[in-house]
C-alpha cells in the first residue's frame, strides 16, 4: 500500500481509525525528508496492514503547529487513536522496521491503564 496524504480534512479520521498509523511530517525543501522518503515508502509497501501517512508541513501548517513540529522529518505513531511515539529525525530502514515491530508488540490495555493512572494522578494534584 502506498502512503496516504494527510490533510486537516482527513487527519482526525485517520488517527481515530483502529489499528496502527505512522505519520511522516515532511517538506519538499528538506534534504533529510527527501532521503527518508524511499525508506518510508518501502515500509508502507512491506506492511499493508499499517497505514503510512504523510503530512506536508508547508501545505498543512495548521497540523504542523497543532503537533508543535519544529524539526522535520518527524515521525509519529498512533495506535487505536493513542499517540504512542513521536520523534524527529530520519531513520534507517532497519531502525524503522524495529519501530514497526515495537508498535505491533505494544500491549494497548497496558497503555490505556498507564494513561488512566497518569490522568488520575494529574487530577489529584489539581485538587
N, C-alpha and C. Protein backbone atom coordinates (compact mmCIF):
# COMPACT_ATOMS: atom_id res chain seq x y z
N UNK A 1 0.86 -1.19 0.00
CA UNK A 1 0.00 0.00 0.00
C UNK A 1 0.89 1.23 0.00
N UNK A 2 0.55 2.18 -0.83
CA UNK A 2 1.30 3.43 -0.89
C UNK A 2 0.97 4.29 0.32
N UNK A 3 1.77 5.32 0.51
CA UNK A 3 1.50 6.23 1.61
C UNK A 3 0.25 7.06 1.31
N UNK A 4 -0.36 7.55 2.36
CA UNK A 4 -1.59 8.33 2.26
C UNK A 4 -1.29 9.78 2.64
N UNK A 5 -1.70 10.71 1.80
CA UNK A 5 -1.53 12.12 2.11
C UNK A 5 -2.56 12.52 3.15
N UNK A 6 -2.08 13.07 4.26
CA UNK A 6 -2.98 13.51 5.32
C UNK A 6 -3.09 15.02 5.31
N UNK A 7 -4.33 15.50 5.44
CA UNK A 7 -4.62 16.92 5.45
C UNK A 7 -5.50 17.23 6.66
N UNK A 8 -5.78 18.49 6.89
CA UNK A 8 -6.65 18.84 8.01
C UNK A 8 -8.02 18.16 7.84
N UNK A 9 -8.43 17.90 6.61
CA UNK A 9 -9.74 17.31 6.36
C UNK A 9 -9.81 15.83 6.74
N UNK A 10 -8.75 15.07 6.52
CA UNK A 10 -8.81 13.62 6.76
C UNK A 10 -7.93 13.15 7.92
N UNK A 11 -7.22 14.06 8.56
CA UNK A 11 -6.26 13.68 9.60
C UNK A 11 -6.93 13.00 10.79
N UNK A 12 -7.96 13.62 11.36
CA UNK A 12 -8.58 13.07 12.57
C UNK A 12 -9.20 11.71 12.31
N UNK A 13 -9.81 11.52 11.15
CA UNK A 13 -10.39 10.22 10.83
C UNK A 13 -9.30 9.15 10.76
N UNK A 14 -8.14 9.51 10.22
CA UNK A 14 -7.02 8.55 10.14
C UNK A 14 -6.53 8.19 11.54
N UNK A 15 -6.42 9.19 12.41
CA UNK A 15 -5.96 8.95 13.78
C UNK A 15 -6.96 8.10 14.55
N UNK A 16 -8.24 8.39 14.38
CA UNK A 16 -9.29 7.71 15.14
C UNK A 16 -9.53 6.27 14.67
N UNK A 17 -9.06 5.92 13.49
CA UNK A 17 -9.28 4.57 12.96
C UNK A 17 -8.53 3.55 13.82
N UNK A 18 -9.12 2.38 13.91
CA UNK A 18 -8.49 1.30 14.67
C UNK A 18 -7.23 0.84 13.95
N UNK A 19 -6.23 0.45 14.71
CA UNK A 19 -5.00 -0.05 14.12
C UNK A 19 -3.84 0.91 14.30
N UNK A 20 -2.81 0.70 13.49
CA UNK A 20 -1.57 1.45 13.60
C UNK A 20 -1.48 2.46 12.47
N UNK A 21 -1.11 3.68 12.83
CA UNK A 21 -0.92 4.77 11.87
C UNK A 21 0.45 5.39 12.10
N UNK A 22 1.29 5.33 11.09
CA UNK A 22 2.57 6.04 11.10
C UNK A 22 2.36 7.35 10.35
N UNK A 23 2.93 8.44 10.85
CA UNK A 23 2.81 9.73 10.17
C UNK A 23 4.20 10.33 10.03
N UNK A 24 4.53 10.70 8.80
CA UNK A 24 5.78 11.38 8.49
C UNK A 24 5.46 12.84 8.21
N UNK A 25 5.90 13.74 9.09
CA UNK A 25 5.78 15.17 8.85
C UNK A 25 7.02 15.58 8.07
N UNK A 26 6.83 16.16 6.88
CA UNK A 26 7.93 16.43 5.97
C UNK A 26 7.70 17.73 5.20
N UNK A 27 8.69 18.13 4.41
CA UNK A 27 8.56 19.25 3.48
C UNK A 27 9.45 18.98 2.27
N UNK A 28 9.04 19.47 1.12
CA UNK A 28 9.76 19.22 -0.13
C UNK A 28 11.18 19.79 -0.10
N UNK A 29 11.39 20.88 0.59
CA UNK A 29 12.70 21.53 0.62
C UNK A 29 13.68 20.86 1.58
N UNK A 30 13.22 19.89 2.36
CA UNK A 30 14.01 19.26 3.43
C UNK A 30 14.80 18.08 2.88
N UNK A 31 16.14 18.20 2.87
CA UNK A 31 17.00 17.13 2.39
C UNK A 31 16.82 15.82 3.13
N UNK A 32 16.87 15.82 4.48
CA UNK A 32 16.66 14.57 5.21
C UNK A 32 15.28 13.95 4.94
N UNK A 33 14.27 14.80 4.73
CA UNK A 33 12.93 14.28 4.40
C UNK A 33 12.96 13.53 3.07
N UNK A 34 13.63 14.13 2.09
CA UNK A 34 13.71 13.51 0.77
C UNK A 34 14.50 12.20 0.82
N UNK A 35 15.54 12.15 1.65
CA UNK A 35 16.31 10.90 1.73
C UNK A 35 15.58 9.82 2.53
N UNK A 36 14.71 10.21 3.46
CA UNK A 36 13.93 9.25 4.25
C UNK A 36 12.74 8.71 3.45
N UNK A 37 12.25 9.46 2.49
CA UNK A 37 11.03 9.11 1.76
C UNK A 37 11.07 7.70 1.15
N UNK A 38 12.14 7.28 0.47
CA UNK A 38 12.15 5.92 -0.10
C UNK A 38 12.07 4.82 0.97
N UNK A 39 12.71 5.04 2.11
CA UNK A 39 12.67 4.08 3.21
C UNK A 39 11.24 3.96 3.73
N UNK A 40 10.59 5.10 3.88
CA UNK A 40 9.22 5.15 4.39
C UNK A 40 8.26 4.48 3.39
N UNK A 41 8.44 4.79 2.10
CA UNK A 41 7.60 4.19 1.05
C UNK A 41 7.76 2.67 1.02
N UNK A 42 9.00 2.19 1.18
CA UNK A 42 9.25 0.75 1.17
C UNK A 42 8.55 0.09 2.34
N UNK A 43 8.60 0.72 3.51
CA UNK A 43 7.93 0.17 4.69
C UNK A 43 6.42 0.12 4.45
N UNK A 44 5.88 1.13 3.81
CA UNK A 44 4.44 1.16 3.51
C UNK A 44 4.05 -0.01 2.61
N UNK A 45 4.91 -0.32 1.64
CA UNK A 45 4.63 -1.43 0.73
C UNK A 45 4.80 -2.78 1.44
N UNK A 46 5.74 -2.85 2.36
CA UNK A 46 6.04 -4.10 3.06
C UNK A 46 5.01 -4.44 4.13
N UNK A 47 4.34 -3.40 4.68
CA UNK A 47 3.39 -3.59 5.79
C UNK A 47 2.02 -3.03 5.40
N UNK A 48 1.28 -3.73 4.54
CA UNK A 48 0.00 -3.21 4.07
C UNK A 48 -1.08 -3.11 5.15
N UNK A 49 -0.87 -3.77 6.29
CA UNK A 49 -1.85 -3.71 7.38
C UNK A 49 -1.69 -2.46 8.24
N UNK A 50 -0.66 -1.67 7.99
CA UNK A 50 -0.42 -0.42 8.71
C UNK A 50 -0.65 0.73 7.75
N UNK A 51 -1.26 1.80 8.25
CA UNK A 51 -1.45 3.00 7.42
C UNK A 51 -0.22 3.89 7.60
N UNK A 52 0.38 4.27 6.50
CA UNK A 52 1.53 5.16 6.48
C UNK A 52 1.09 6.48 5.87
N UNK A 53 0.95 7.50 6.70
CA UNK A 53 0.51 8.80 6.24
C UNK A 53 1.66 9.78 6.15
N UNK A 54 1.46 10.80 5.33
CA UNK A 54 2.46 11.87 5.19
C UNK A 54 1.74 13.20 5.32
N UNK A 55 2.34 14.11 6.10
CA UNK A 55 1.82 15.46 6.25
C UNK A 55 2.87 16.42 5.71
N UNK A 56 2.53 17.12 4.63
CA UNK A 56 3.39 18.15 4.08
C UNK A 56 3.26 19.38 4.98
N UNK A 57 4.30 19.68 5.74
CA UNK A 57 4.21 20.76 6.72
C UNK A 57 4.06 22.14 6.09
N UNK A 58 4.42 22.27 4.83
CA UNK A 58 4.23 23.54 4.13
C UNK A 58 2.76 23.73 3.75
N UNK A 59 2.14 22.67 3.25
CA UNK A 59 0.75 22.75 2.83
C UNK A 59 -0.20 22.65 4.02
N UNK A 60 0.22 21.99 5.08
CA UNK A 60 -0.63 21.75 6.24
C UNK A 60 -0.02 22.39 7.49
N UNK A 61 0.17 23.69 7.43
CA UNK A 61 0.81 24.41 8.53
C UNK A 61 0.01 24.32 9.82
N UNK A 62 -1.30 24.23 9.71
CA UNK A 62 -2.14 24.12 10.91
C UNK A 62 -1.85 22.81 11.65
N UNK A 63 -1.72 21.71 10.93
CA UNK A 63 -1.39 20.43 11.56
C UNK A 63 0.01 20.46 12.16
N UNK A 64 0.96 21.05 11.44
CA UNK A 64 2.32 21.15 11.95
C UNK A 64 2.34 21.96 13.25
N UNK A 65 1.58 23.03 13.30
CA UNK A 65 1.51 23.85 14.51
C UNK A 65 0.81 23.10 15.64
N UNK A 66 -0.27 22.41 15.31
CA UNK A 66 -1.03 21.66 16.32
C UNK A 66 -0.15 20.64 17.03
N UNK A 67 0.74 20.00 16.28
CA UNK A 67 1.62 18.98 16.86
C UNK A 67 3.00 19.52 17.20
N UNK A 68 3.14 20.84 17.16
CA UNK A 68 4.38 21.52 17.55
C UNK A 68 5.59 20.94 16.83
N UNK A 69 5.46 20.78 15.52
CA UNK A 69 6.56 20.25 14.72
C UNK A 69 7.57 21.37 14.51
N UNK A 70 8.75 21.19 15.07
CA UNK A 70 9.81 22.21 14.93
C UNK A 70 11.01 21.66 14.18
N UNK A 71 11.03 20.35 13.93
CA UNK A 71 12.12 19.71 13.22
C UNK A 71 11.52 18.65 12.32
N UNK A 72 11.99 18.61 11.07
CA UNK A 72 11.48 17.60 10.15
C UNK A 72 12.66 16.85 9.54
N UNK A 73 12.46 15.61 9.17
CA UNK A 73 11.21 14.88 9.33
C UNK A 73 10.93 14.55 10.80
N UNK A 74 9.66 14.48 11.14
CA UNK A 74 9.23 13.99 12.45
C UNK A 74 8.30 12.81 12.19
N UNK A 75 8.55 11.74 12.91
CA UNK A 75 7.73 10.54 12.78
C UNK A 75 6.86 10.40 14.02
N UNK A 76 5.57 10.17 13.81
CA UNK A 76 4.64 9.91 14.91
C UNK A 76 3.94 8.59 14.63
N UNK A 77 3.59 7.91 15.73
CA UNK A 77 2.84 6.67 15.61
C UNK A 77 1.62 6.77 16.52
N UNK A 78 0.47 6.49 15.94
CA UNK A 78 -0.78 6.36 16.70
C UNK A 78 -1.20 4.91 16.62
N UNK A 79 -1.69 4.40 17.72
CA UNK A 79 -2.27 3.06 17.71
C UNK A 79 -3.61 3.15 18.41
N UNK A 80 -4.65 2.75 17.70
CA UNK A 80 -6.02 2.81 18.22
C UNK A 80 -6.34 4.21 18.75
N UNK A 81 -5.87 5.22 18.02
CA UNK A 81 -6.19 6.61 18.37
C UNK A 81 -5.31 7.22 19.45
N UNK A 82 -4.33 6.48 19.94
CA UNK A 82 -3.46 6.96 21.02
C UNK A 82 -2.06 7.21 20.46
N UNK A 83 -1.53 8.40 20.71
CA UNK A 83 -0.17 8.72 20.30
C UNK A 83 0.79 7.90 21.16
N UNK A 84 1.57 7.04 20.52
CA UNK A 84 2.48 6.16 21.27
C UNK A 84 3.95 6.45 20.97
N UNK A 85 4.23 7.31 19.98
CA UNK A 85 5.62 7.62 19.63
C UNK A 85 5.65 8.92 18.86
N UNK A 86 6.65 9.75 19.14
CA UNK A 86 6.90 10.97 18.36
C UNK A 86 8.37 11.32 18.50
N UNK A 87 9.04 11.43 17.35
CA UNK A 87 10.46 11.74 17.39
C UNK A 87 10.90 12.34 16.06
N UNK A 88 11.67 13.43 16.11
CA UNK A 88 12.22 13.97 14.87
C UNK A 88 13.42 13.15 14.41
N UNK A 89 13.69 13.23 13.12
CA UNK A 89 14.86 12.59 12.55
C UNK A 89 14.51 11.47 11.59
N UNK A 90 15.32 11.36 10.54
CA UNK A 90 15.16 10.29 9.56
C UNK A 90 15.75 9.01 10.13
N UNK A 91 15.08 7.90 9.91
CA UNK A 91 15.54 6.61 10.41
C UNK A 91 16.04 5.75 9.27
N UNK A 92 17.10 4.98 9.50
CA UNK A 92 17.50 3.98 8.50
C UNK A 92 16.47 2.85 8.50
N UNK A 93 16.41 2.12 7.40
CA UNK A 93 15.44 1.04 7.24
C UNK A 93 15.35 0.06 8.40
N UNK A 94 16.49 -0.49 8.87
CA UNK A 94 16.40 -1.47 9.97
C UNK A 94 15.81 -0.87 11.25
N UNK A 95 16.13 0.39 11.52
CA UNK A 95 15.58 1.02 12.73
C UNK A 95 14.08 1.26 12.57
N UNK A 96 13.64 1.63 11.37
CA UNK A 96 12.21 1.81 11.12
C UNK A 96 11.49 0.47 11.28
N UNK A 97 12.09 -0.60 10.81
CA UNK A 97 11.49 -1.93 10.96
C UNK A 97 11.36 -2.31 12.43
N UNK A 98 12.37 -1.99 13.24
CA UNK A 98 12.29 -2.25 14.68
C UNK A 98 11.15 -1.46 15.31
N UNK A 99 10.99 -0.22 14.88
CA UNK A 99 9.92 0.63 15.40
C UNK A 99 8.55 0.08 15.02
N UNK A 100 8.43 -0.41 13.80
CA UNK A 100 7.18 -1.03 13.35
C UNK A 100 6.85 -2.24 14.23
N UNK A 101 7.85 -3.07 14.50
CA UNK A 101 7.62 -4.25 15.33
C UNK A 101 7.25 -3.83 16.76
N UNK A 102 7.89 -2.79 17.27
CA UNK A 102 7.57 -2.30 18.62
C UNK A 102 6.12 -1.82 18.69
N UNK A 103 5.67 -1.14 17.64
CA UNK A 103 4.28 -0.66 17.60
C UNK A 103 3.32 -1.84 17.58
N UNK A 104 3.66 -2.88 16.84
CA UNK A 104 2.83 -4.08 16.78
C UNK A 104 2.77 -4.78 18.14
N UNK A 105 3.90 -4.79 18.85
CA UNK A 105 4.02 -5.54 20.10
C UNK A 105 3.42 -4.82 21.31
N UNK A 106 3.05 -3.57 21.16
CA UNK A 106 2.50 -2.83 22.31
C UNK A 106 1.28 -3.52 22.90
N UNK A 107 1.23 -3.59 24.21
CA UNK A 107 0.06 -4.08 24.93
C UNK A 107 -0.84 -2.86 25.15
N UNK A 108 -1.85 -2.70 24.32
CA UNK A 108 -2.66 -1.48 24.38
C UNK A 108 -3.50 -1.41 25.64
N UNK A 109 -3.86 -2.53 26.23
CA UNK A 109 -4.55 -2.50 27.52
C UNK A 109 -3.65 -1.87 28.58
N UNK A 110 -2.37 -2.24 28.54
CA UNK A 110 -1.40 -1.65 29.48
C UNK A 110 -1.21 -0.16 29.20
N UNK A 111 -1.15 0.21 27.94
CA UNK A 111 -1.00 1.63 27.58
C UNK A 111 -2.19 2.43 28.11
N UNK A 112 -3.41 1.92 27.90
CA UNK A 112 -4.61 2.63 28.38
C UNK A 112 -4.62 2.72 29.91
N UNK A 113 -4.15 1.65 30.59
CA UNK A 113 -4.07 1.67 32.05
C UNK A 113 -3.10 2.75 32.52
N UNK A 114 -1.95 2.84 31.86
CA UNK A 114 -0.95 3.85 32.23
C UNK A 114 -1.49 5.26 32.02
N UNK A 115 -2.22 5.46 30.92
CA UNK A 115 -2.81 6.78 30.65
C UNK A 115 -3.83 7.12 31.73
N UNK A 116 -4.66 6.15 32.09
CA UNK A 116 -5.67 6.38 33.13
C UNK A 116 -5.01 6.72 34.46
N UNK A 117 -3.94 6.01 34.80
CA UNK A 117 -3.22 6.30 36.04
C UNK A 117 -2.64 7.70 36.03
N UNK A 118 -2.06 8.10 34.90
CA UNK A 118 -1.48 9.43 34.77
C UNK A 118 -2.55 10.50 34.89
N UNK A 119 -3.69 10.28 34.22
CA UNK A 119 -4.79 11.25 34.30
C UNK A 119 -5.32 11.35 35.72
N UNK A 120 -5.39 10.22 36.42
CA UNK A 120 -5.84 10.21 37.80
C UNK A 120 -4.87 10.98 38.70
N UNK A 121 -3.58 10.75 38.49
CA UNK A 121 -2.57 11.46 39.27
C UNK A 121 -2.61 12.96 38.99
N UNK A 122 -2.81 13.33 37.74
CA UNK A 122 -2.91 14.74 37.38
C UNK A 122 -4.15 15.37 38.01
N UNK A 123 -5.25 14.64 38.05
CA UNK A 123 -6.48 15.15 38.66
C UNK A 123 -6.28 15.35 40.17
N UNK A 124 -5.56 14.42 40.80
CA UNK A 124 -5.30 14.51 42.23
C UNK A 124 -4.46 15.73 42.57
N UNK A 125 -3.46 16.03 41.75
CA UNK A 125 -2.60 17.18 42.02
C UNK A 125 -3.30 18.49 41.69
N UNK A 126 -4.32 18.45 40.86
CA UNK A 126 -5.07 19.66 40.51
C UNK A 126 -6.04 20.04 41.63
N UNK A 127 -6.41 19.09 42.46
CA UNK A 127 -7.37 19.35 43.54
C UNK A 127 -6.68 19.75 44.81
